[in-house]
Amino acid sequence: AGRHTIILMQPSQNRATRTFMDFDSVNHALDGICGLYERKIRNINPMIGNLTYDISDLYNFIDGMTDISALV
């Protein structure tokens, strides 16, 4: 059974970057956060065909946000 999950985030110090994402489950929310990171990598390195990263890269991405919270 899914648990409705809302991710609240502020990627930078600029308050105008505050946003949210809405998901049907915690797993979908975690996939959504991974997707954000993958899009960031693609924007930085558009010529890379196959993205690879490890959990520490993802943690650094999350830690680099000004704020991120999950409401479950």
PDB file of N, CA and C in Angstrom:
ATOM      1  N   ALA A   1       0.847  -1.191   0.000  1.00  0.00           N
ATOM      2  CA  ALA A   1       0.000   0.000   0.000  1.00  0.00           C
ATOM      3  C   ALA A   1       0.884   1.243   0.000  1.00  0.00           C
ATOM      4  N   GLY A   2       0.557   2.184  -0.866  1.00  0.00           N
ATOM      5  CA  GLY A   2       1.319   3.421  -0.968  1.00  0.00           C
ATOM      6  C   GLY A   2       0.980   4.381   0.150  1.00  0.00           C
ATOM      7  N   ARG A   3       1.950   5.168   0.509  1.00  0.00           N
ATOM      8  CA  ARG A   3       1.743   6.219   1.506  1.00  0.00           C
ATOM      9  C   ARG A   3       2.037   7.546   0.836  1.00  0.00           C
ATOM     10  N   HIS A   4       0.999   8.339   0.679  1.00  0.00           N
ATOM     11  CA  HIS A   4       1.128   9.636   0.036  1.00  0.00           C
ATOM     12  C   HIS A   4       2.313  10.386   0.630  1.00  0.00           C
ATOM     13  N   THR A   5       3.191  10.896  -0.220  1.00  0.00           N
ATOM     14  CA  THR A   5       4.409  11.560   0.232  1.00  0.00           C
ATOM     15  C   THR A   5       4.601  12.866  -0.532  1.00  0.00           C
ATOM     16  N   ILE A   6       4.884  13.919   0.207  1.00  0.00           N
ATOM     17  CA  ILE A   6       5.176  15.230  -0.377  1.00  0.00           C
ATOM     18  C   ILE A   6       6.606  15.589   0.002  1.00  0.00           C
ATOM     19  N   ILE A   7       7.403  15.929  -1.003  1.00  0.00           N
ATOM     20  CA  ILE A   7       8.773  16.388  -0.778  1.00  0.00           C
ATOM     21  C   ILE A   7       8.778  17.907  -0.886  1.00  0.00           C
ATOM     22  N   LEU A   8       9.182  18.569   0.189  1.00  0.00           N
ATOM     23  CA  LEU A   8       9.346  20.022   0.205  1.00  0.00           C
ATOM     24  C   LEU A   8      10.832  20.295   0.079  1.00  0.00           C
ATOM     25  N   MET A   9      11.196  21.190  -0.823  1.00  0.00           N
ATOM     26  CA  MET A   9      12.626  21.456  -0.970  1.00  0.00           C
ATOM     27  C   MET A   9      12.905  22.895  -1.360  1.00  0.00           C
ATOM     28  N   GLN A  10      14.112  23.308  -1.001  1.00  0.00           N
ATOM     29  CA  GLN A  10      14.654  24.607  -1.386  1.00  0.00           C
ATOM     30  C   GLN A  10      16.097  24.343  -1.802  1.00  0.00           C
ATOM     31  N   PRO A  11      16.338  24.200  -3.119  1.00  0.00           N
ATOM     32  CA  PRO A  11      17.667  23.823  -3.596  1.00  0.00           C
ATOM     33  C   PRO A  11      18.776  24.842  -3.295  1.00  0.00           C
ATOM     34  N   SER A  12      18.456  26.119  -3.217  1.00  0.00           N
ATOM     35  CA  SER A  12      19.493  27.135  -2.986  1.00  0.00           C
ATOM     36  C   SER A  12      19.041  28.109  -1.904  1.00  0.00           C
ATOM     37  N   GLN A  13      19.908  29.043  -1.574  1.00  0.00           N
ATOM     38  CA  GLN A  13      19.582  30.051  -0.559  1.00  0.00           C
ATOM     39  C   GLN A  13      18.433  30.968  -0.996  1.00  0.00           C
ATOM     40  N   ASN A  14      18.230  31.080  -2.293  1.00  0.00           N
ATOM     41  CA  ASN A  14      17.174  31.931  -2.827  1.00  0.00           C
ATOM     42  C   ASN A  14      15.814  31.330  -2.474  1.00  0.00           C
ATOM     43  N   ARG A  15      15.019  32.073  -1.712  1.00  0.00           N
ATOM     44  CA  ARG A  15      13.711  31.568  -1.275  1.00  0.00           C
ATOM     45  C   ARG A  15      12.771  31.303  -2.448  1.00  0.00           C
ATOM     46  N   ALA A  16      13.032  31.923  -3.582  1.00  0.00           N
ATOM     47  CA  ALA A  16      12.189  31.710  -4.765  1.00  0.00           C
ATOM     48  C   ALA A  16      12.356  30.301  -5.336  1.00  0.00           C
ATOM     49  N   THR A  17      13.378  29.558  -4.888  1.00  0.00           N
ATOM     50  CA  THR A  17      13.580  28.192  -5.385  1.00  0.00           C
ATOM     51  C   THR A  17      12.765  27.162  -4.596  1.00  0.00           C
ATOM     52  N   ARG A  18      12.015  27.598  -3.625  1.00  0.00           N
ATOM     53  CA  ARG A  18      11.181  26.666  -2.858  1.00  0.00           C
ATOM     54  C   ARG A  18      10.160  26.015  -3.780  1.00  0.00           C
ATOM     55  N   THR A  19      10.012  24.699  -3.622  1.00  0.00           N
ATOM     56  CA  THR A  19       9.059  23.968  -4.444  1.00  0.00           C
ATOM     57  C   THR A  19       8.665  22.683  -3.723  1.00  0.00           C
ATOM     58  N   PHE A  20       7.761  21.933  -4.336  1.00  0.00           N
ATOM     59  CA  PHE A  20       7.372  20.655  -3.759  1.00  0.00           C
ATOM     60  C   PHE A  20       7.122  19.650  -4.875  1.00  0.00           C
ATOM     61  N   MET A  21       7.169  18.369  -4.502  1.00  0.00           N
ATOM     62  CA  MET A  21       6.830  17.281  -5.409  1.00  0.00           C
ATOM     63  C   MET A  21       5.868  16.365  -4.665  1.00  0.00           C
ATOM     64  N   ASP A  22       4.892  15.836  -5.359  1.00  0.00           N
ATOM     65  CA  ASP A  22       3.824  15.040  -4.775  1.00  0.00           C
ATOM     66  C   ASP A  22       3.877  13.625  -5.344  1.00  0.00           C
ATOM     67  N   PHE A  23       3.874  12.600  -4.478  1.00  0.00           N
ATOM     68  CA  PHE A  23       3.994  11.216  -4.926  1.00  0.00           C
ATOM     69  C   PHE A  23       2.986  10.314  -4.221  1.00  0.00           C
ATOM     70  N   ASP A  24       2.719   9.175  -4.831  1.00  0.00           N
ATOM     71  CA  ASP A  24       1.770   8.208  -4.273  1.00  0.00           C
ATOM     72  C   ASP A  24       2.391   7.327  -3.189  1.00  0.00           C
ATOM     73  N   SER A  25       3.716   7.279  -3.117  1.00  0.00           N
ATOM     74  CA  SER A  25       4.366   6.422  -2.129  1.00  0.00           C
ATOM     75  C   SER A  25       5.752   6.970  -1.786  1.00  0.00           C
ATOM     76  N   VAL A  26       6.311   6.452  -0.702  1.00  0.00           N
ATOM     77  CA  VAL A  26       7.654   6.835  -0.296  1.00  0.00           C
ATOM     78  C   VAL A  26       8.662   6.396  -1.361  1.00  0.00           C
ATOM     79  N   ASN A  27       8.491   5.187  -1.894  1.00  0.00           N
ATOM     80  CA  ASN A  27       9.409   4.693  -2.928  1.00  0.00           C
ATOM     81  C   ASN A  27       9.402   5.589  -4.163  1.00  0.00           C
ATOM     82  N   HIS A  28       8.224   6.041  -4.581  1.00  0.00           N
ATOM     83  CA  HIS A  28       8.141   6.940  -5.733  1.00  0.00           C
ATOM     84  C   HIS A  28       8.816   8.275  -5.409  1.00  0.00           C
ATOM     85  N   ALA A  29       8.682   8.730  -4.170  1.00  0.00           N
ATOM     86  CA  ALA A  29       9.328   9.986  -3.768  1.00  0.00           C
ATOM     87  C   ALA A  29      10.850   9.860  -3.840  1.00  0.00           C
ATOM     88  N   LEU A  30      11.369   8.731  -3.368  1.00  0.00           N
ATOM     89  CA  LEU A  30      12.819   8.516  -3.425  1.00  0.00           C
ATOM     90  C   LEU A  30      13.294   8.422  -4.868  1.00  0.00           C
ATOM     91  N   ASP A  31      12.514   7.765  -5.715  1.00  0.00           N
ATOM     92  CA  ASP A  31      12.834   7.722  -7.145  1.00  0.00           C
ATOM     93  C   ASP A  31      12.823   9.131  -7.740  1.00  0.00           C
ATOM     94  N   GLY A  32      11.896   9.960  -7.279  1.00  0.00           N
ATOM     95  CA  GLY A  32      11.815  11.337  -7.763  1.00  0.00           C
ATOM     96  C   GLY A  32      13.048  12.147  -7.400  1.00  0.00           C
ATOM     97  N   ILE A  33      13.565  11.948  -6.191  1.00  0.00           N
ATOM     98  CA  ILE A  33      14.782  12.644  -5.773  1.00  0.00           C
ATOM     99  C   ILE A  33      15.965  12.174  -6.613  1.00  0.00           C
ATOM    100  N   CYS A  34      16.045  10.871  -6.849  1.00  0.00           N
ATOM    101  CA  CYS A  34      17.108  10.336  -7.715  1.00  0.00           C
ATOM    102  C   CYS A  34      16.993  10.936  -9.118  1.00  0.00           C
ATOM    103  N   GLY A  35      15.767  11.073  -9.610  1.00  0.00           N
ATOM    104  CA  GLY A  35      15.538  11.664 -10.929  1.00  0.00           C
ATOM    105  C   GLY A  35      16.020  13.103 -10.997  1.00  0.00           C
ATOM    106  N   LEU A  36      15.812  13.858  -9.928  1.00  0.00           N
ATOM    107  CA  LEU A  36      16.317  15.243  -9.884  1.00  0.00           C
ATOM    108  C   LEU A  36      17.833  15.261 -10.034  1.00  0.00           C
ATOM    109  N   TYR A  37      18.483  14.364  -9.310  1.00  0.00           N
ATOM    110  CA  TYR A  37      19.943  14.303  -9.379  1.00  0.00           C
ATOM    111  C   TYR A  37      20.406  13.900 -10.770  1.00  0.00           C
ATOM    112  N   GLU A  38      19.736  12.922 -11.359  1.00  0.00           N
ATOM    113  CA  GLU A  38      20.112  12.471 -12.703  1.00  0.00           C
ATOM    114  C   GLU A  38      19.924  13.579 -13.741  1.00  0.00           C
ATOM    115  N   ARG A  39      18.858  14.361 -13.607  1.00  0.00           N
ATOM    116  CA  ARG A  39      18.658  15.496 -14.526  1.00  0.00           C
ATOM    117  C   ARG A  39      19.768  16.528 -14.355  1.00  0.00           C
ATOM    118  N   LYS A  40      20.188  16.752 -13.112  1.00  0.00           N
ATOM    119  CA  LYS A  40      21.278  17.700 -12.870  1.00  0.00           C
ATOM    120  C   LYS A  40      22.563  17.202 -13.538  1.00  0.00           C
ATOM    121  N   ILE A  41      22.868  15.921 -13.385  1.00  0.00           N
ATOM    122  CA  ILE A  41      24.063  15.354 -14.021  1.00  0.00           C
ATOM    123  C   ILE A  41      23.972  15.503 -15.536  1.00  0.00           C
ATOM    124  N   ARG A  42      22.798  15.208 -16.112  1.00  0.00           N
ATOM    125  CA  ARG A  42      22.612  15.320 -17.572  1.00  0.00           C
ATOM    126  C   ARG A  42      22.798  16.756 -18.046  1.00  0.00           C
ATOM    127  N   ASN A  43      22.312  17.718 -17.273  1.00  0.00           N
ATOM    128  CA  ASN A  43      22.474  19.123 -17.651  1.00  0.00           C
ATOM    129  C   ASN A  43      23.941  19.541 -17.627  1.00  0.00           C
ATOM    130  N   ILE A  44      24.690  19.010 -16.674  1.00  0.00           N
ATOM    131  CA  ILE A  44      26.107  19.344 -16.570  1.00  0.00           C
ATOM    132  C   ILE A  44      26.923  18.622 -17.636  1.00  0.00           C
ATOM    133  N   ASN A  45      26.565  17.368 -17.939  1.00  0.00           N
ATOM    134  CA  ASN A  45      27.307  16.518 -18.881  1.00  0.00           C
ATOM    135  C   ASN A  45      26.366  15.943 -19.941  1.00  0.00           C
ATOM    136  N   PRO A  46      25.877  16.770 -20.864  1.00  0.00           N
ATOM    137  CA  PRO A  46      24.870  16.288 -21.818  1.00  0.00           C
ATOM    138  C   PRO A  46      25.368  15.215 -22.784  1.00  0.00           C
ATOM    139  N   MET A  47      26.668  15.047 -22.932  1.00  0.00           N
ATOM    140  CA  MET A  47      27.198  14.076 -23.895  1.00  0.00           C
ATOM    141  C   MET A  47      27.337  12.661 -23.313  1.00  0.00           C
ATOM    142  N   ILE A  48      27.147  12.509 -22.008  1.00  0.00           N
ATOM    143  CA  ILE A  48      27.272  11.187 -21.387  1.00  0.00           C
ATOM    144  C   ILE A  48      26.027  10.365 -21.706  1.00  0.00           C
ATOM    145  N   GLY A  49      26.241   9.196 -22.298  1.00  0.00           N
ATOM    146  CA  GLY A  49      25.112   8.339 -22.675  1.00  0.00           C
ATOM    147  C   GLY A  49      24.552   7.537 -21.521  1.00  0.00           C
ATOM    148  N   ASN A  50      25.434   7.014 -20.670  1.00  0.00           N
ATOM    149  CA  ASN A  50      25.003   6.154 -19.576  1.00  0.00           C
ATOM    150  C   ASN A  50      25.474   6.756 -18.254  1.00  0.00           C
ATOM    151  N   LEU A  51      24.538   7.219 -17.446  1.00  0.00           N
ATOM    152  CA  LEU A  51      24.887   7.838 -16.178  1.00  0.00           C
ATOM    153  C   LEU A  51      25.241   6.785 -15.136  1.00  0.00           C
ATOM    154  N   THR A  52      26.287   7.048 -14.392  1.00  0.00           N
ATOM    155  CA  THR A  52      26.615   6.208 -13.243  1.00  0.00           C
ATOM    156  C   THR A  52      26.965   7.116 -12.074  1.00  0.00           C
ATOM    157  N   TYR A  53      26.534   6.701 -10.898  1.00  0.00           N
ATOM    158  CA  TYR A  53      26.859   7.422  -9.674  1.00  0.00           C
ATOM    159  C   TYR A  53      26.676   6.465  -8.507  1.00  0.00           C
ATOM    160  N   ASP A  54      27.254   6.827  -7.371  1.00  0.00           N
ATOM    161  CA  ASP A  54      27.051   5.982  -6.198  1.00  0.00           C
ATOM    162  C   ASP A  54      26.273   6.760  -5.146  1.00  0.00           C
ATOM    163  N   ILE A  55      25.956   6.078  -4.063  1.00  0.00           N
ATOM    164  CA  ILE A  55      25.094   6.677  -3.048  1.00  0.00           C
ATOM    165  C   ILE A  55      25.725   7.917  -2.423  1.00  0.00           C
ATOM    166  N   SER A  56      27.056   7.962  -2.332  1.00  0.00           N
ATOM    167  CA  SER A  56      27.692   9.149  -1.746  1.00  0.00           C
ATOM    168  C   SER A  56      27.485  10.375  -2.633  1.00  0.00           C
ATOM    169  N   ASP A  57      27.437  10.188  -3.964  1.00  0.00           N
ATOM    170  CA  ASP A  57      27.144  11.307  -4.870  1.00  0.00           C
ATOM    171  C   ASP A  57      25.730  11.829  -4.621  1.00  0.00           C
ATOM    172  N   LEU A  58      24.800  10.912  -4.464  1.00  0.00           N
ATOM    173  CA  LEU A  58      23.407  11.297  -4.204  1.00  0.00           C
ATOM    174  C   LEU A  58      23.295  12.003  -2.854  1.00  0.00           C
ATOM    175  N   TYR A  59      23.973  11.481  -1.835  1.00  0.00           N
ATOM    176  CA  TYR A  59      23.962  12.126  -0.522  1.00  0.00           C
ATOM    177  C   TYR A  59      24.534  13.540  -0.597  1.00  0.00           C
ATOM    178  N   ASN A  60      25.598  13.724  -1.349  1.00  0.00           N
ATOM    179  CA  ASN A  60      26.191  15.062  -1.501  1.00  0.00           C
ATOM    180  C   ASN A  60      25.212  16.013  -2.182  1.00  0.00           C
ATOM    181  N   PHE A  61      24.472  15.522  -3.169  1.00  0.00           N
ATOM    182  CA  PHE A  61      23.458  16.330  -3.838  1.00  0.00           C
ATOM    183  C   PHE A  61      22.395  16.772  -2.835  1.00  0.00           C
ATOM    184  N   ILE A  62      21.904  15.835  -2.042  1.00  0.00           N
ATOM    185  CA  ILE A  62      20.865  16.146  -1.058  1.00  0.00           C
ATOM    186  C   ILE A  62      21.414  17.090   0.010  1.00  0.00           C
ATOM    187  N   ASP A  63      22.631  16.818   0.501  1.00  0.00           N
ATOM    188  CA  ASP A  63      23.241  17.675   1.520  1.00  0.00           C
ATOM    189  C   ASP A  63      23.510  19.086   1.009  1.00  0.00           C
ATOM    190  N   GLY A  64      23.664  19.233  -0.313  1.00  0.00           N
ATOM    191  CA  GLY A  64      23.915  20.543  -0.905  1.00  0.00           C
ATOM    192  C   GLY A  64      22.682  21.423  -0.999  1.00  0.00           C
ATOM    193  N   MET A  65      21.511  20.843  -0.773  1.00  0.00           N
ATOM    194  CA  MET A  65      20.274  21.640  -0.803  1.00  0.00           C
ATOM    195  C   MET A  65      20.176  22.452   0.481  1.00  0.00           C
ATOM    196  N   THR A  66      19.604  23.637   0.368  1.00  0.00           N
ATOM    197  CA  THR A  66      19.391  24.456   1.549  1.00  0.00           C
ATOM    198  C   THR A  66      18.415  23.773   2.504  1.00  0.00           C
ATOM    199  N   ASP A  67      17.366  23.163   1.959  1.00  0.00           N
ATOM    200  CA  ASP A  67      16.376  22.470   2.794  1.00  0.00           C
ATOM    201  C   ASP A  67      15.659  21.410   1.981  1.00  0.00           C
ATOM    202  N   ILE A  68      15.388  20.274   2.596  1.00  0.00           N
ATOM    203  CA  ILE A  68      14.564  19.235   1.981  1.00  0.00           C
ATOM    204  C   ILE A  68      13.887  18.469   3.108  1.00  0.00           C
ATOM    205  N   SER A  69      12.594  18.232   2.946  1.00  0.00           N
ATOM    206  CA  SER A  69      11.799  17.528   3.942  1.00  0.00           C
ATOM    207  C   SER A  69      10.791  16.630   3.234  1.00  0.00           C
ATOM    208  N   ALA A  70      10.402  15.564   3.920  1.00  0.00           N
ATOM    209  CA  ALA A  70       9.384  14.655   3.391  1.00  0.00           C
ATOM    210  C   ALA A  70       8.209  14.610   4.367  1.00  0.00           C
ATOM    211  N   LEU A  71       7.030  14.785   3.841  1.00  0.00           N
ATOM    212  CA  LEU A  71       5.797  14.618   4.618  1.00  0.00           C
ATOM    213  C   LEU A  71       5.146  13.329   4.145  1.00  0.00           C
ATOM    214  N   VAL A  72       5.012  12.362   5.041  1.00  0.00           N
ATOM    215  CA  VAL A  72       4.463  11.050   4.681  1.00  0.00           C
ATOM    216  C   VAL A  72       3.155  10.849   5.428  1.00  0.00           C
TER     217      VAL A  72
END
